[in-house]
Amino acid sequence: MKCKKFIFENYNFDFNSGKTILNYSIDEKIKFSEILFFPIKKLDKNKLKKKKDFINKVLFNLHLAGGLSYWKTYCPQKIIIKSGKINKEQAKFWNKLYYKGMGQFYFENKLDPKKTAPEFPYKDFKIKPIKLKNLKSNLLPWGGGKDSIVSSEILKKQKKDFTLFYVGDSIPQKNTAKIAKKKTIIVKRIISPKLKKLPKAYNGHIPVSAYYAFVEVFTAGLFGFKNIAMSNEKSANYGNILYKGLMVNHQYSKSQEFEKDFSEYLSKFITKDIKYFSLLRKMSEIEIAEQFTQYPKYFKYFSSCNTNFRQNKRKRPKSNLWCGSCPKCAFVFLILSAFLSKKKLLKIFKKDLFNDPKLENTFLELLGKKNHKPFECVGTPEEVKKALSLVIKKQEFKNSYFIKKQ
């Protein structure tokens, strides 16, 4: 299908319930509505209404970020923004996000990024950031995996107060949050069901962390948090494959490049009073894994496997939190095996992933010996090689299929 226009129609926020609606359309015929629920019932409604300017400013930008999920269906070239306006500098940010951030999507669908990525329309005007008062503490986005767990333990050691935050209701997020014993803010997101019913629509990865970044800023402003402490590591900067002149990076919206761009955008166009940064930016995956192994209380409950976060809850695992067949499982198994005993590792994963011949190609991709780095949040080939050398030295897996071949 050839579609000409993608339209950012409007957005709405209910000051009583926290229900937020983001509306979009394609050629004014195909309409999408995304819904979020922010848990504001206990907040002072008078104080909340005083933040009306901030709320409108962030929701407008969240509206633009949310468009990623719907624009990709038919990739219309013309962008129409009915819900607000942006200036030239803002347009550069959005053009870059819809170009670089969608790199994997273009690659997977064999689309030319330069011919497909849209150009955002802009007007010549200046924007002043909103001033927020009485902000304090840290908001820690929570994935239920090793990275955010390490961040929480770092903040605890530094005796800094923080609150956990996540979108959704996955089992790893809920169970690890209980172990962390910190207050938690949970936002519910309902993606437009129309996405599943479109004929001949494109599908693929979007830089969802960019979307969450605006959700996190909105939450921080509503609940009075000064810092958004992310858990993105050094290896998120490493790309997967060069495609038509674009370095495709599955983790683009977790990279230092995006973090810098987003922080500047936040400061210039939304507020200077909320800071967005990563606690783990200088750390490698190996360093994070080694630190994580110091906290066995989480072993039974954490997971990085994406099957836990499927939109269709019926397809999520009910018992074993690791599918044992994806690149994410293979990577986490390998990097933890450098520091954990085989006995402890098998308790977590329920099986020896090194002994599964079906994962051989996946391990080779992780090592940089075949194809390209998998499109997952995994470490660099150098980190994987270093971890593998530690595994081989330990000799615990010497009889496993993949290790015997090394």
Protein backbone atom coordinates (compact mmCIF):
# COMPACT_ATOMS: atom_id res chain seq x y z
CA MET A 1 0.00 0.00 0.00
CA LYS A 2 1.18 3.48 -0.86
CA CYS A 3 0.33 6.04 1.78
CA LYS A 4 1.20 9.72 1.50
CA LYS A 5 0.70 11.35 4.90
CA PHE A 6 1.39 10.46 8.51
CA ILE A 7 -0.55 12.76 10.82
CA PHE A 8 0.09 13.48 14.49
CA GLU A 9 -3.55 14.24 15.28
CA ASN A 10 -3.85 15.09 18.99
CA TYR A 11 -3.25 13.92 22.54
CA ASN A 12 -5.24 14.12 25.75
CA PHE A 13 -4.45 13.81 29.47
CA ASP A 14 -7.09 13.24 32.15
CA PHE A 15 -6.07 15.07 35.34
CA ASN A 16 -8.29 12.82 37.47
CA SER A 17 -7.38 9.35 36.22
CA GLY A 18 -3.98 9.82 34.53
CA LYS A 19 -5.33 8.27 31.35
CA THR A 20 -3.40 9.57 28.35
CA ILE A 21 -4.43 9.11 24.73
CA LEU A 22 -2.15 9.62 21.72
CA ASN A 23 -3.96 9.80 18.38
CA TYR A 24 -2.47 9.34 14.91
CA SER A 25 -3.69 8.74 11.38
CA ILE A 26 -2.40 7.80 7.96
CA ASP A 27 -3.99 9.72 5.10
CA GLU A 28 -6.81 10.53 7.56
CA LYS A 29 -8.20 7.04 6.84
CA ILE A 30 -6.22 4.64 9.02
CA LYS A 31 -6.51 5.81 12.62
CA PHE A 32 -4.53 4.73 15.68
CA SER A 33 -5.04 5.46 19.36
CA GLU A 34 -2.43 4.54 21.95
CA ILE A 35 -3.33 4.69 25.64
CA LEU A 36 -1.16 5.09 28.73
CA PHE A 37 -2.26 5.09 32.36
CA PHE A 38 -0.14 7.08 34.82
CA PRO A 39 -0.87 6.26 38.52
CA ILE A 40 -1.67 9.82 39.69
CA LYS A 41 -4.64 9.12 42.00
CA LYS A 42 -2.66 9.91 45.16
CA LEU A 43 -1.17 13.13 43.77
CA ASP A 44 -2.51 16.54 44.77
CA LYS A 45 -4.74 17.58 41.85
CA ASN A 46 -4.25 21.31 42.47
CA LYS A 47 -0.47 20.95 42.35
CA LEU A 48 -0.82 18.75 39.28
CA LYS A 49 -2.85 21.38 37.43
CA LYS A 50 -0.14 23.94 38.14
CA LYS A 51 2.13 21.74 36.03
CA LYS A 52 -0.19 22.05 33.05
CA ASP A 53 2.43 23.73 30.84
CA PHE A 54 4.98 21.02 31.62
CA ILE A 55 2.40 18.30 31.01
CA ASN A 56 1.46 19.70 27.60
CA LYS A 57 5.08 20.21 26.61
CA VAL A 58 6.15 16.66 27.46
CA LEU A 59 3.03 15.00 26.08
CA PHE A 60 3.49 16.76 22.76
CA ASN A 61 7.00 15.32 22.51
CA LEU A 62 5.80 11.92 23.74
CA HIS A 63 3.21 12.10 20.97
CA LEU A 64 6.01 12.55 18.41
CA ALA A 65 8.02 9.66 19.89
CA GLY A 66 4.99 7.38 19.98
CA GLY A 67 4.55 7.90 16.26
CA LEU A 68 7.46 5.52 15.61
CA SER A 69 5.20 2.50 16.19
CA TYR A 70 2.60 3.66 13.68
CA TRP A 71 4.53 5.55 11.02
CA LYS A 72 6.52 2.37 10.31
CA THR A 73 3.43 0.52 9.04
CA TYR A 74 3.51 2.22 5.62
CA CYS A 75 6.32 4.80 5.98
CA PRO A 76 4.47 7.84 4.53
CA GLN A 77 6.89 10.51 3.35
CA LYS A 78 4.89 13.55 4.42
CA ILE A 79 4.66 14.38 8.11
CA ILE A 80 1.81 16.60 9.36
CA ILE A 81 1.83 17.74 12.99
CA LYS A 82 -1.60 18.93 14.13
CA SER A 83 -0.88 18.55 17.84
CA GLY A 84 1.75 21.29 18.02
CA LYS A 85 4.77 22.72 16.28
CA ILE A 86 8.56 22.29 16.38
CA ASN A 87 11.45 24.53 15.38
CA LYS A 88 14.39 23.72 13.12
CA GLU A 89 16.63 22.39 15.90
CA GLN A 90 13.89 20.12 17.22
CA ALA A 91 13.24 18.84 13.70
CA LYS A 92 16.90 17.79 13.47
CA PHE A 93 16.44 15.63 16.59
CA TRP A 94 13.32 13.94 15.21
CA ASN A 95 14.76 13.47 11.73
CA LYS A 96 17.79 11.76 13.27
CA LEU A 97 15.68 9.52 15.51
CA TYR A 98 13.46 8.41 12.62
CA TYR A 99 16.59 7.82 10.51
CA LYS A 100 19.25 6.33 12.81
CA GLY A 101 16.86 4.92 15.39
CA MET A 102 14.96 3.00 12.70
CA GLY A 103 18.12 1.55 11.12
CA GLN A 104 17.31 -2.07 12.03
CA PHE A 105 13.76 -1.64 10.71
CA TYR A 106 15.08 -0.40 7.34
CA PHE A 107 17.58 -3.25 7.16
CA GLU A 108 15.04 -5.95 8.04
CA ASN A 109 12.53 -4.64 5.49
CA LYS A 110 15.14 -3.96 2.78
CA LEU A 111 14.27 -0.27 2.66
CA ASP A 112 16.68 2.51 1.74
CA PRO A 113 17.00 4.69 4.88
CA LYS A 114 17.73 7.87 2.93
CA LYS A 115 14.69 7.41 0.71
CA THR A 116 12.36 6.15 3.45
CA ALA A 117 13.07 8.25 6.55
CA PRO A 118 10.69 11.23 6.82
CA GLU A 119 11.56 14.90 7.19
CA PHE A 120 9.76 16.70 10.00
CA PRO A 121 8.24 20.09 9.14
CA TYR A 122 9.30 23.02 11.30
CA LYS A 123 8.61 26.70 11.95
CA ASP A 124 10.90 29.50 12.99
CA PHE A 125 10.28 30.25 16.67
CA LYS A 126 12.01 30.00 20.04
CA ILE A 127 11.11 27.71 22.93
CA LYS A 128 11.74 28.28 26.62
CA PRO A 129 12.15 25.29 28.93
CA ILE A 130 9.75 24.93 31.86
CA LYS A 131 11.01 25.59 35.40
CA LEU A 132 10.13 22.89 37.92
CA LYS A 133 10.42 23.25 41.70
CA ASN A 134 10.93 20.86 44.61
CA LEU A 135 12.44 18.03 42.60
CA LYS A 136 14.51 15.44 44.44
CA SER A 137 15.65 11.82 44.43
CA ASN A 138 16.20 9.40 41.53
CA LEU A 139 13.85 7.55 39.22
CA LEU A 140 15.38 4.22 38.21
CA PRO A 141 13.86 2.58 35.09
CA TRP A 142 13.52 -1.12 35.89
CA GLY A 143 13.82 -3.92 33.36
CA GLY A 144 14.12 -6.88 35.72
CA GLY A 145 17.51 -7.78 34.26
CA LYS A 146 21.08 -7.68 35.53
CA ASP A 147 21.80 -4.08 34.43
CA SER A 148 19.07 -2.26 36.35
CA ILE A 149 19.71 -4.55 39.33
CA VAL A 150 23.37 -3.51 39.40
CA SER A 151 22.30 0.14 39.18
CA SER A 152 19.98 -0.28 42.16
CA GLU A 153 22.74 -1.84 44.24
CA ILE A 154 25.13 0.98 43.28
CA LEU A 155 22.58 3.57 44.45
CA LYS A 156 22.07 1.64 47.69
CA LYS A 157 25.81 1.61 48.37
CA GLN A 158 25.93 5.34 47.71
CA LYS A 159 23.01 5.72 50.16
CA LYS A 160 20.95 7.56 47.56
CA ASP A 161 17.20 7.45 47.60
CA PHE A 162 15.46 6.11 44.50
CA THR A 163 12.17 4.78 43.19
CA LEU A 164 11.77 2.05 40.59
CA PHE A 165 9.81 2.71 37.41
CA TYR A 166 8.62 0.53 34.58
CA VAL A 167 6.07 0.28 31.81
CA GLY A 168 4.15 -2.99 31.68
CA ASP A 169 3.70 -5.91 34.02
CA SER A 170 6.26 -8.61 33.23
CA ILE A 171 7.04 -11.27 35.83
CA PRO A 172 10.80 -10.45 36.06
CA GLN A 173 10.06 -6.76 36.63
CA LYS A 174 7.50 -7.42 39.35
CA ASN A 175 9.46 -10.11 41.20
CA THR A 176 12.85 -8.39 41.14
CA ALA A 177 11.23 -5.12 42.25
CA LYS A 178 9.93 -6.92 45.34
CA ILE A 179 13.44 -8.12 46.14
CA ALA A 180 14.87 -4.62 45.67
CA LYS A 181 12.40 -3.45 48.35
CA LYS A 182 11.92 0.02 46.90
CA LYS A 183 8.84 2.04 46.01
CA THR A 184 7.65 1.39 42.47
CA ILE A 185 5.77 3.46 39.89
CA ILE A 186 4.15 1.40 37.14
CA VAL A 187 2.73 2.85 33.92
CA LYS A 188 0.39 0.80 31.78
CA ARG A 189 0.64 1.08 27.99
CA ILE A 190 -1.93 -0.16 25.47
CA ILE A 191 -0.70 -0.11 21.89
CA SER A 192 -3.37 0.37 19.23
CA PRO A 193 -4.82 -3.07 18.40
CA LYS A 194 -5.21 -1.90 14.80
CA LEU A 195 -1.48 -2.57 14.25
CA LYS A 196 -2.19 -6.30 14.05
CA LYS A 197 -4.97 -5.94 11.48
CA LEU A 198 -3.32 -3.87 8.74
CA PRO A 199 -2.88 -5.42 5.26
CA LYS A 200 0.65 -5.57 3.84
CA ALA A 201 2.07 -3.36 6.57
CA TYR A 202 5.76 -3.21 7.45
CA ASN A 203 6.84 -4.44 10.87
CA GLY A 204 10.09 -4.42 12.78
CA HIS A 205 12.20 -2.96 15.55
CA ILE A 206 11.77 0.59 16.78
CA PRO A 207 14.02 2.50 19.22
CA VAL A 208 11.57 1.97 22.06
CA SER A 209 13.96 3.33 24.71
CA ALA A 210 13.58 6.74 23.03
CA TYR A 211 9.82 6.52 23.53
CA TYR A 212 10.31 5.41 27.14
CA ALA A 213 12.68 8.34 27.71
CA PHE A 214 9.80 10.78 27.26
CA VAL A 215 7.51 8.59 29.42
CA GLU A 216 10.21 8.71 32.11
CA VAL A 217 10.56 12.51 31.90
CA PHE A 218 6.79 12.86 32.17
CA THR A 219 6.73 10.57 35.22
CA ALA A 220 9.67 12.37 36.82
CA GLY A 221 7.94 15.73 36.43
CA LEU A 222 4.59 14.51 37.75
CA PHE A 223 6.05 12.77 40.79
CA GLY A 224 8.89 15.23 41.53
CA PHE A 225 12.07 13.36 40.59
CA LYS A 226 15.23 15.26 39.76
CA ASN A 227 17.21 12.47 38.08
CA ILE A 228 16.41 9.67 35.66
CA ALA A 229 19.16 7.11 36.25
CA MET A 230 19.40 4.75 33.30
CA SER A 231 21.34 1.46 33.17
CA ASN A 232 22.87 1.61 29.70
CA GLU A 233 26.39 0.25 29.39
CA LYS A 234 29.38 1.06 27.18
CA SER A 235 28.68 -1.69 24.63
CA ALA A 236 25.35 -0.07 23.65
CA ASN A 237 27.47 2.23 21.46
CA TYR A 238 28.60 -0.68 19.28
CA GLY A 239 26.77 -1.10 15.96
CA ASN A 240 25.55 -4.31 14.31
CA ILE A 241 26.02 -3.87 10.57
CA LEU A 242 26.70 -1.17 7.96
CA TYR A 243 23.69 -0.88 5.66
CA LYS A 244 23.46 1.56 2.74
CA GLY A 245 25.81 3.99 4.46
CA LEU A 246 24.05 3.76 7.84
CA MET A 247 25.59 1.98 10.83
CA VAL A 248 22.65 0.01 12.15
CA ASN A 249 22.66 -0.21 15.95
CA HIS A 250 19.94 -2.25 17.64
CA GLN A 251 20.74 -0.32 20.84
CA TYR A 252 20.80 3.15 19.26
CA SER A 253 18.35 4.61 21.79
CA LYS A 254 20.54 3.19 24.59
CA SER A 255 23.75 4.61 23.12
CA GLN A 256 25.78 7.51 24.45
CA GLU A 257 25.01 9.36 21.22
CA PHE A 258 21.27 9.25 21.86
CA GLU A 259 21.74 9.98 25.57
CA LYS A 260 23.65 13.17 24.68
CA ASP A 261 21.11 14.23 22.05
CA PHE A 262 18.17 13.53 24.34
CA SER A 263 19.75 15.30 27.34
CA GLU A 264 20.35 18.41 25.23
CA TYR A 265 16.81 18.26 23.83
CA LEU A 266 15.38 17.87 27.33
CA SER A 267 17.36 20.84 28.63
CA LYS A 268 16.61 23.17 25.71
CA PHE A 269 13.01 22.37 24.93
CA ILE A 270 11.37 20.80 27.98
CA THR A 271 13.13 21.52 31.31
CA LYS A 272 16.63 22.01 32.67
CA ASP A 273 15.58 20.68 36.06
CA ILE A 274 15.36 16.97 35.21
CA LYS A 275 18.61 15.16 34.34
CA TYR A 276 18.81 12.04 32.15
CA PHE A 277 21.96 9.90 32.36
CA SER A 278 23.23 6.34 32.66
CA LEU A 279 24.88 5.06 35.83
CA LEU A 280 26.64 2.25 33.93
CA ARG A 281 27.86 4.14 30.85
CA LYS A 282 31.55 3.57 31.60
CA MET A 283 31.10 -0.11 32.43
CA SER A 284 31.51 -3.08 30.10
CA GLU A 285 29.11 -6.03 30.03
CA ILE A 286 31.75 -8.15 31.74
CA GLU A 287 32.09 -5.69 34.60
CA ILE A 288 28.32 -5.53 35.02
CA ALA A 289 27.99 -9.33 34.94
CA GLU A 290 30.73 -9.73 37.55
CA GLN A 291 29.02 -7.22 39.84
CA PHE A 292 25.63 -8.83 39.32
CA THR A 293 26.91 -12.22 40.51
CA GLN A 294 27.41 -10.64 43.96
CA TYR A 295 23.63 -10.54 44.42
CA PRO A 296 22.35 -14.15 44.40
CA LYS A 297 19.01 -13.10 45.88
CA TYR A 298 17.98 -12.05 42.35
CA PHE A 299 19.14 -15.19 40.48
CA LYS A 300 15.83 -17.01 40.63
CA TYR A 301 13.76 -14.02 39.53
CA PHE A 302 15.67 -11.91 37.00
CA SER A 303 15.57 -12.33 33.23
CA SER A 304 16.76 -10.57 30.10
CA CYS A 305 14.89 -12.84 27.68
CA ASN A 306 12.45 -10.89 25.50
CA THR A 307 9.79 -13.62 25.65
CA ASN A 308 8.82 -12.14 29.04
CA PHE A 309 7.85 -8.85 27.40
CA ARG A 310 5.68 -10.04 24.51
CA GLN A 311 2.57 -7.96 23.84
CA ASN A 312 0.48 -11.12 23.84
CA LYS A 313 0.57 -12.22 27.47
CA ARG A 314 -0.52 -15.73 26.54
CA LYS A 315 2.79 -16.21 24.72
CA ARG A 316 4.87 -15.19 27.73
CA PRO A 317 6.59 -17.98 29.72
CA LYS A 318 4.78 -19.02 32.88
CA SER A 319 7.56 -20.88 34.68
CA ASN A 320 11.03 -20.77 33.07
CA LEU A 321 11.97 -17.12 32.48
CA TRP A 322 14.55 -18.02 29.83
CA CYS A 323 13.59 -19.46 26.42
CA GLY A 324 17.11 -20.89 26.04
CA SER A 325 17.13 -20.42 22.28
CA CYS A 326 17.59 -16.69 21.56
CA PRO A 327 20.78 -14.58 21.30
CA LYS A 328 19.92 -12.79 24.55
CA CYS A 329 19.75 -16.05 26.48
CA ALA A 330 22.96 -17.28 24.85
CA PHE A 331 24.81 -14.06 25.66
CA VAL A 332 23.72 -13.82 29.30
CA PHE A 333 24.46 -17.52 29.82
CA LEU A 334 27.95 -17.09 28.37
CA ILE A 335 28.89 -13.92 30.22
CA LEU A 336 27.60 -15.17 33.57
CA SER A 337 29.34 -18.52 33.11
CA ALA A 338 32.63 -16.63 33.39
CA PHE A 339 31.81 -15.87 37.04
CA LEU A 340 29.19 -18.33 38.25
CA SER A 341 29.61 -22.04 38.88
CA LYS A 342 27.97 -24.44 36.44
CA LYS A 343 25.63 -25.62 39.18
CA LYS A 344 24.33 -22.11 39.88
CA LEU A 345 24.01 -21.30 36.20
CA LEU A 346 21.97 -24.41 35.43
CA LYS A 347 19.63 -23.49 38.28
CA ILE A 348 18.93 -20.20 36.50
CA PHE A 349 18.64 -21.43 32.89
CA LYS A 350 17.45 -25.02 33.53
CA LYS A 351 19.86 -26.37 30.91
CA ASP A 352 23.42 -26.07 29.57
CA LEU A 353 23.17 -23.71 26.58
CA PHE A 354 26.75 -24.54 25.55
CA ASN A 355 25.54 -28.11 24.99
CA ASP A 356 22.82 -27.14 22.51
CA PRO A 357 24.06 -27.58 18.88
CA LYS A 358 21.23 -25.32 17.67
CA LEU A 359 22.91 -22.37 19.41
CA GLU A 360 26.31 -22.83 17.75
CA ASN A 361 25.67 -20.21 15.04
CA THR A 362 24.32 -17.80 17.66
CA PHE A 363 27.49 -18.11 19.76
CA LEU A 364 29.60 -17.63 16.62
CA GLU A 365 27.67 -14.45 15.80
CA LEU A 366 28.21 -13.18 19.33
CA LEU A 367 31.94 -13.86 18.90
CA GLY A 368 31.99 -11.95 15.61
CA LYS A 369 32.97 -15.06 13.64
CA LYS A 370 29.80 -15.32 11.57
CA ASN A 371 27.32 -12.93 9.92
CA HIS A 372 26.93 -9.87 12.16
CA LYS A 373 26.32 -9.08 15.83
CA PRO A 374 22.78 -10.28 16.67
CA PHE A 375 20.02 -7.68 16.80
CA GLU A 376 19.67 -7.85 20.56
CA CYS A 377 20.98 -5.97 23.59
CA VAL A 378 24.19 -7.99 23.82
CA GLY A 379 27.86 -7.17 24.35
CA THR A 380 30.59 -6.62 21.77
CA PRO A 381 32.51 -9.53 20.19
CA GLU A 382 35.57 -8.48 22.21
CA GLU A 383 33.63 -8.79 25.47
CA VAL A 384 32.22 -12.16 24.43
CA LYS A 385 35.71 -13.45 23.53
CA LYS A 386 37.06 -12.31 26.88
CA ALA A 387 34.21 -14.02 28.74
CA LEU A 388 34.64 -17.21 26.71
CA SER A 389 38.35 -17.36 27.54
CA LEU A 390 37.45 -17.20 31.25
CA VAL A 391 34.90 -19.99 30.76
CA ILE A 392 37.46 -22.22 29.02
CA LYS A 393 39.99 -21.64 31.81
CA LYS A 394 37.46 -22.74 34.44
CA GLN A 395 37.06 -26.13 32.71
CA GLU A 396 33.56 -26.66 34.12
CA PHE A 397 32.00 -26.75 30.66
CA LYS A 398 34.85 -28.59 28.91
CA ASN A 399 32.54 -31.45 27.85
CA SER A 400 29.81 -29.19 26.48
CA TYR A 401 29.27 -29.25 22.70
CA PHE A 402 30.27 -25.66 21.88
CA ILE A 403 33.18 -25.43 24.34
CA LYS A 404 34.72 -28.67 23.02
CA LYS A 405 34.87 -27.11 19.55
CA GLN A 406 36.83 -24.07 20.72
